[in-house]
């Protein structure tokens, strides 16, 4: 054995022992993922409390369970957290702010004036209705015009009486507004015209519905279409296999005139409709758009 081999052999043995120790220290192969191990070792789900099932105080993680139960969360998440942290807080209309309470007094006095004016106009309507058509100055046509004008003015007064009421606005923003009342229909129409109507008008222009198909179309009502319970956004392309069945629709309008107007809804069909065989043997038509 040479001198070099006798010197290098102990060093090689020492390096080999260290490498074996490092291999043993490495984690052995595992058939399960780390995420599964973490999920298995995680604590069980927290049971919801009565506050978690209350639409006014539900937390974001329990919203899906509440919606599946048929209840919609009320208001924003920030509002629900505030109500949850202060269960004994004062009602909104009793907040102890001097400027707020003084402003509410002014609004209440203005509302009383509007209500008195409404009662006065309703009395005028009753007196005009009691007059015979032949005895009314201007005849039946003038009487009908006068009554329509007074009724329209009464509806405007009803809106003006509550348009500045913070309680009414809060109920509408929380989704608790009664659409049988004019003020909530006014707020709903204002919200619809701020975005949805503009979007519909833009799609009508983009798809050249006006003037290629009809000379004029002004949206006056909110119409939602559902194909197979799936909501269709304005301008979305619908496959012919889906649109072969008529859609379900939801219609809402803030005025009675738009409800009876034929221009409040429209359907678009392809001017060059044709059928082509599909892979399943059924016939399909070109995709339609809304």
Protein backbone atom coordinates (compact mmCIF):
# COMPACT_ATOMS: atom_id res chain seq x y z
CA UNK A 1 0.00 0.00 0.00
CA UNK A 2 1.38 3.35 -1.00
CA UNK A 3 1.73 6.18 1.45
CA UNK A 4 -0.94 8.25 -0.34
CA UNK A 5 -3.56 5.49 -0.02
CA UNK A 6 -2.83 4.99 3.67
CA UNK A 7 -3.37 8.70 4.29
CA UNK A 8 -6.53 9.10 2.13
CA UNK A 9 -8.40 5.96 3.30
CA UNK A 10 -9.32 7.25 6.85
CA UNK A 11 -10.47 10.53 5.34
CA UNK A 12 -12.71 8.74 2.80
CA UNK A 13 -14.27 6.59 5.55
CA UNK A 14 -15.09 9.67 7.61
CA UNK A 15 -16.75 11.42 4.65
CA UNK A 16 -18.76 8.27 3.86
CA UNK A 17 -20.06 8.05 7.43
CA UNK A 18 -21.16 11.71 7.36
CA UNK A 19 -23.04 11.24 4.08
CA UNK A 20 -24.90 8.22 5.50
CA UNK A 21 -25.93 10.21 8.58
CA UNK A 22 -27.28 13.01 6.39
CA UNK A 23 -29.34 10.55 4.33
CA UNK A 24 -30.91 9.14 7.48
CA UNK A 25 -31.78 12.64 8.67
CA UNK A 26 -33.75 13.39 5.47
CA UNK A 27 -37.56 12.99 5.84
CA UNK A 28 -38.79 9.70 4.50
CA UNK A 29 -41.16 9.59 1.50
CA UNK A 30 -44.82 10.20 2.39
CA UNK A 31 -47.81 9.23 0.24
CA UNK A 32 -50.09 11.98 1.63
CA UNK A 33 -49.76 15.68 0.86
CA UNK A 34 -48.90 18.27 3.46
CA UNK A 35 -52.24 19.99 2.88
CA UNK A 36 -54.12 16.79 3.72
CA UNK A 37 -52.07 16.38 6.88
CA UNK A 38 -52.78 19.98 7.86
CA UNK A 39 -56.50 19.52 7.21
CA UNK A 40 -56.56 16.33 9.26
CA UNK A 41 -54.85 18.01 12.17
CA UNK A 42 -56.96 21.17 11.95
CA UNK A 43 -59.57 21.87 14.59
CA UNK A 44 -63.22 21.06 13.79
CA UNK A 45 -65.44 23.79 12.28
CA UNK A 46 -66.88 26.32 14.69
CA UNK A 47 -70.60 25.92 15.30
CA UNK A 48 -72.59 29.05 14.34
CA UNK A 49 -74.08 31.08 17.16
CA UNK A 50 -77.50 32.79 17.06
CA UNK A 51 -75.74 36.01 16.05
CA UNK A 52 -74.13 34.18 13.13
CA UNK A 53 -77.57 33.11 11.85
CA UNK A 54 -79.13 36.57 12.23
CA UNK A 55 -79.31 38.50 8.90
CA UNK A 56 -78.43 41.72 10.77
CA UNK A 57 -75.24 40.37 12.41
CA UNK A 58 -74.05 37.46 10.23
CA UNK A 59 -70.30 37.24 9.57
CA UNK A 60 -68.87 36.72 6.05
CA UNK A 61 -67.97 33.06 6.69
CA UNK A 62 -71.60 32.21 7.51
CA UNK A 63 -73.23 34.16 4.64
CA UNK A 64 -73.44 31.13 2.32
CA UNK A 65 -75.18 29.02 4.95
CA UNK A 66 -77.65 31.83 5.66
CA UNK A 67 -78.44 32.31 1.95
CA UNK A 68 -78.99 28.56 1.52
CA UNK A 69 -81.47 28.76 4.40
CA UNK A 70 -83.47 31.32 2.40
CA UNK A 71 -82.39 34.47 4.27
CA UNK A 72 -80.41 37.32 2.74
CA UNK A 73 -77.87 39.31 4.80
CA UNK A 74 -79.04 42.84 5.61
CA UNK A 75 -76.80 45.81 4.86
CA UNK A 76 -73.05 45.91 4.39
CA UNK A 77 -70.54 43.72 6.21
CA UNK A 78 -69.15 46.74 8.05
CA UNK A 79 -72.63 47.57 9.35
CA UNK A 80 -73.24 43.99 10.51
CA UNK A 81 -69.91 43.89 12.36
CA UNK A 82 -70.75 47.21 14.04
CA UNK A 83 -74.15 45.91 15.19
CA UNK A 84 -72.52 42.71 16.39
CA UNK A 85 -69.90 44.54 18.46
CA UNK A 86 -72.49 46.94 19.95
CA UNK A 87 -75.68 44.94 20.53
CA UNK A 88 -77.10 47.59 22.90
CA UNK A 89 -76.43 50.56 20.62
CA UNK A 90 -79.05 53.26 20.09
CA UNK A 91 -81.38 53.09 17.09
CA UNK A 92 -80.33 55.01 14.02
CA UNK A 93 -82.98 57.71 14.46
CA UNK A 94 -81.94 58.31 18.11
CA UNK A 95 -78.24 58.95 17.60
CA UNK A 96 -77.10 61.60 20.12
CA UNK A 97 -75.71 64.11 17.62
CA UNK A 98 -77.13 67.59 17.98
CA UNK A 99 -76.73 68.56 14.31
CA UNK A 100 -78.30 65.28 13.22
CA UNK A 101 -81.32 65.71 15.47
CA UNK A 102 -81.79 69.36 14.45
CA UNK A 103 -81.67 68.36 10.79
CA UNK A 104 -84.29 65.68 11.44
CA UNK A 105 -86.57 68.31 13.00
CA UNK A 106 -86.32 70.45 9.86
CA UNK A 107 -87.04 67.43 7.65
CA UNK A 108 -90.01 66.46 9.83
CA UNK A 109 -91.49 69.97 9.55
CA UNK A 110 -91.03 69.93 5.77
CA UNK A 111 -92.70 66.52 5.59
CA UNK A 112 -95.72 67.83 7.51
CA UNK A 113 -96.08 70.62 4.96
CA UNK A 114 -95.92 68.12 2.10
CA UNK A 115 -98.54 65.90 3.74
CA UNK A 116 -100.87 68.89 4.21
CA UNK A 117 -100.40 69.74 0.54
CA UNK A 118 -101.17 66.14 -0.44
CA UNK A 119 -104.42 66.20 1.54
CA UNK A 120 -105.36 69.46 -0.15
CA UNK A 121 -104.73 68.06 -3.64
CA UNK A 122 -106.61 64.85 -2.84
CA UNK A 123 -109.58 66.99 -1.83
CA UNK A 124 -109.41 68.79 -5.18
CA UNK A 125 -109.42 65.45 -7.00
CA UNK A 126 -112.48 64.30 -5.06
CA UNK A 127 -114.36 67.51 -5.85
CA UNK A 128 -113.55 67.30 -9.57
CA UNK A 129 -114.58 63.64 -9.73
CA UNK A 130 -117.93 64.57 -8.18
CA UNK A 131 -118.67 67.02 -11.02
CA UNK A 132 -120.55 65.65 -14.02
CA UNK A 133 -118.62 65.52 -17.29
CA UNK A 134 -121.17 67.69 -19.05
CA UNK A 135 -121.00 70.38 -16.35
CA UNK A 136 -117.20 70.56 -16.19
CA UNK A 137 -115.65 73.51 -18.00
CA UNK A 138 -113.98 72.16 -21.13
CA UNK A 139 -115.88 68.89 -21.23
CA UNK A 140 -114.84 65.31 -20.38
CA UNK A 141 -111.47 65.63 -22.10
CA UNK A 142 -110.45 68.63 -20.01
CA UNK A 143 -111.69 66.90 -16.86
CA UNK A 144 -109.58 63.80 -17.57
CA UNK A 145 -106.53 65.97 -18.28
CA UNK A 146 -107.03 67.91 -15.05
CA UNK A 147 -107.40 64.74 -12.98
CA UNK A 148 -104.31 63.17 -14.53
CA UNK A 149 -102.29 66.32 -13.79
CA UNK A 150 -103.43 66.43 -10.16
CA UNK A 151 -102.71 62.72 -9.60
CA UNK A 152 -99.23 63.13 -11.05
CA UNK A 153 -98.62 66.10 -8.76
CA UNK A 154 -99.76 64.07 -5.74
CA UNK A 155 -97.29 61.30 -6.61
CA UNK A 156 -94.50 63.88 -6.85
CA UNK A 157 -95.43 65.26 -3.43
CA UNK A 158 -95.34 61.76 -1.93
CA UNK A 159 -91.78 61.35 -3.18
CA UNK A 160 -90.67 64.80 -2.03
CA UNK A 161 -92.11 64.17 1.44
CA UNK A 162 -89.72 61.25 2.08
CA UNK A 163 -86.85 61.74 -0.36
CA UNK A 164 -84.61 63.37 2.29
CA UNK A 165 -85.58 61.08 5.17
CA UNK A 166 -82.44 59.20 6.34
CA UNK A 167 -84.53 56.35 7.73
CA UNK A 168 -86.17 55.74 4.34
CA UNK A 169 -82.83 55.86 2.55
CA UNK A 170 -81.29 53.48 5.09
CA UNK A 171 -84.11 50.96 4.64
CA UNK A 172 -83.67 51.05 0.87
CA UNK A 173 -79.90 50.54 1.10
CA UNK A 174 -80.48 47.61 3.47
CA UNK A 175 -82.85 45.99 0.97
CA UNK A 176 -85.91 46.41 3.22
CA UNK A 177 -87.80 48.94 1.08
CA UNK A 178 -91.46 48.34 0.23
CA UNK A 179 -91.81 48.73 -3.54
CA UNK A 180 -95.52 49.42 -3.14
CA UNK A 181 -94.55 52.90 -1.91
CA UNK A 182 -93.58 55.60 -4.45
CA UNK A 183 -90.41 56.66 -2.65
CA UNK A 184 -88.81 53.20 -2.86
CA UNK A 185 -89.78 52.88 -6.52
CA UNK A 186 -88.16 56.27 -7.06
CA UNK A 187 -84.92 55.12 -5.43
CA UNK A 188 -84.97 51.86 -7.42
CA UNK A 189 -85.47 53.70 -10.71
CA UNK A 190 -82.69 56.16 -9.87
CA UNK A 191 -80.32 53.29 -9.11
CA UNK A 192 -81.30 51.46 -12.32
CA UNK A 193 -80.81 54.54 -14.49
CA UNK A 194 -77.40 55.23 -12.96
CA UNK A 195 -75.84 52.05 -14.44
CA UNK A 196 -78.08 49.27 -15.77
CA UNK A 197 -80.01 51.46 -18.20
CA UNK A 198 -76.79 52.94 -19.55
CA UNK A 199 -75.39 49.45 -20.05
CA UNK A 200 -78.50 48.29 -21.92
CA UNK A 201 -78.41 51.41 -24.11
CA UNK A 202 -74.76 50.77 -24.90
CA UNK A 203 -75.45 47.15 -25.90
CA UNK A 204 -78.35 48.27 -28.13
CA UNK A 205 -75.94 50.57 -29.95
CA UNK A 206 -73.12 48.00 -30.14
CA UNK A 207 -75.33 45.31 -31.68
CA UNK A 208 -76.86 47.84 -34.11
CA UNK A 209 -80.40 47.03 -32.97
CA UNK A 210 -81.13 50.71 -33.63
CA UNK A 211 -81.65 51.56 -36.46
CA UNK A 212 -80.99 48.25 -38.27
CA UNK A 213 -83.92 46.33 -36.74
CA UNK A 214 -86.16 49.00 -35.22
CA UNK A 215 -85.94 52.78 -35.67
CA UNK A 216 -85.98 53.69 -31.97
CA UNK A 217 -85.74 51.90 -28.63
CA UNK A 218 -85.52 53.61 -25.24
CA UNK A 219 -85.32 51.19 -22.24
CA UNK A 220 -87.86 52.17 -19.59
CA UNK A 221 -87.98 48.99 -17.47
CA UNK A 222 -85.55 46.52 -15.95
CA UNK A 223 -85.92 43.08 -17.56
CA UNK A 224 -83.72 40.15 -16.47
CA UNK A 225 -83.56 36.95 -18.55
CA UNK A 226 -82.70 33.50 -17.17
CA UNK A 227 -81.85 30.57 -19.44
CA UNK A 228 -82.05 27.34 -17.44
CA UNK A 229 -82.01 29.37 -14.22
CA UNK A 230 -78.75 31.08 -15.25
CA UNK A 231 -78.87 34.87 -15.50
CA UNK A 232 -77.85 36.27 -18.87
CA UNK A 233 -75.93 39.54 -18.83
CA UNK A 234 -76.72 42.20 -21.44
CA UNK A 235 -74.82 41.45 -24.65
CA UNK A 236 -73.83 37.92 -23.63
CA UNK A 237 -73.80 35.33 -26.42
CA UNK A 238 -76.18 32.45 -25.69
CA UNK A 239 -75.58 29.07 -27.30
CA UNK A 240 -78.41 27.86 -29.52
CA UNK A 241 -78.70 24.61 -27.53
CA UNK A 242 -79.49 26.74 -24.49
CA UNK A 243 -81.72 29.31 -26.19
CA UNK A 244 -83.91 26.72 -27.94
CA UNK A 245 -86.17 26.89 -24.87
CA UNK A 246 -87.79 30.22 -23.95
CA UNK A 247 -86.13 32.00 -21.01
CA UNK A 248 -87.65 32.97 -17.70
CA UNK A 249 -87.87 36.70 -17.15
CA UNK A 250 -88.10 39.12 -14.26
CA UNK A 251 -89.71 42.47 -14.98
CA UNK A 252 -89.69 45.56 -12.81
CA UNK A 253 -90.83 49.07 -13.62
CA UNK A 254 -91.23 52.16 -11.50
CA UNK A 255 -94.07 53.68 -13.51
CA UNK A 256 -97.38 52.27 -14.59
CA UNK A 257 -97.02 53.77 -18.06
CA UNK A 258 -93.86 51.82 -18.81
CA UNK A 259 -95.51 48.59 -17.68
CA UNK A 260 -98.07 48.84 -20.47
CA UNK A 261 -95.69 50.26 -23.06
CA UNK A 262 -94.58 47.80 -25.74
CA UNK A 263 -91.18 49.49 -25.89
CA UNK A 264 -90.37 48.42 -22.32
CA UNK A 265 -89.31 45.00 -23.57
CA UNK A 266 -87.89 43.67 -26.80
CA UNK A 267 -86.56 40.47 -28.31
CA UNK A 268 -83.92 40.13 -30.97
CA UNK A 269 -83.89 37.40 -33.61
CA UNK A 270 -81.41 36.80 -36.37
CA UNK A 271 -82.64 38.30 -39.66
CA UNK A 272 -81.00 35.43 -41.59
CA UNK A 273 -82.00 32.49 -39.43
CA UNK A 274 -80.91 29.11 -40.67
CA UNK A 275 -80.52 25.64 -39.23
CA UNK A 276 -77.38 23.55 -39.28
CA UNK A 277 -76.98 19.92 -38.20
CA UNK A 278 -75.08 19.42 -34.98
CA UNK A 279 -72.91 16.52 -33.92
CA UNK A 280 -75.81 14.97 -32.00
CA UNK A 281 -78.12 15.05 -35.00
CA UNK A 282 -80.31 17.87 -33.67
CA UNK A 283 -80.71 21.16 -35.48
CA UNK A 284 -79.32 24.31 -33.99
CA UNK A 285 -79.85 27.95 -34.83
CA UNK A 286 -77.25 30.73 -34.74
CA UNK A 287 -76.44 32.05 -31.27
CA UNK A 288 -78.70 34.82 -30.08
CA UNK A 289 -77.67 37.75 -27.95
CA UNK A 290 -79.50 39.96 -25.54
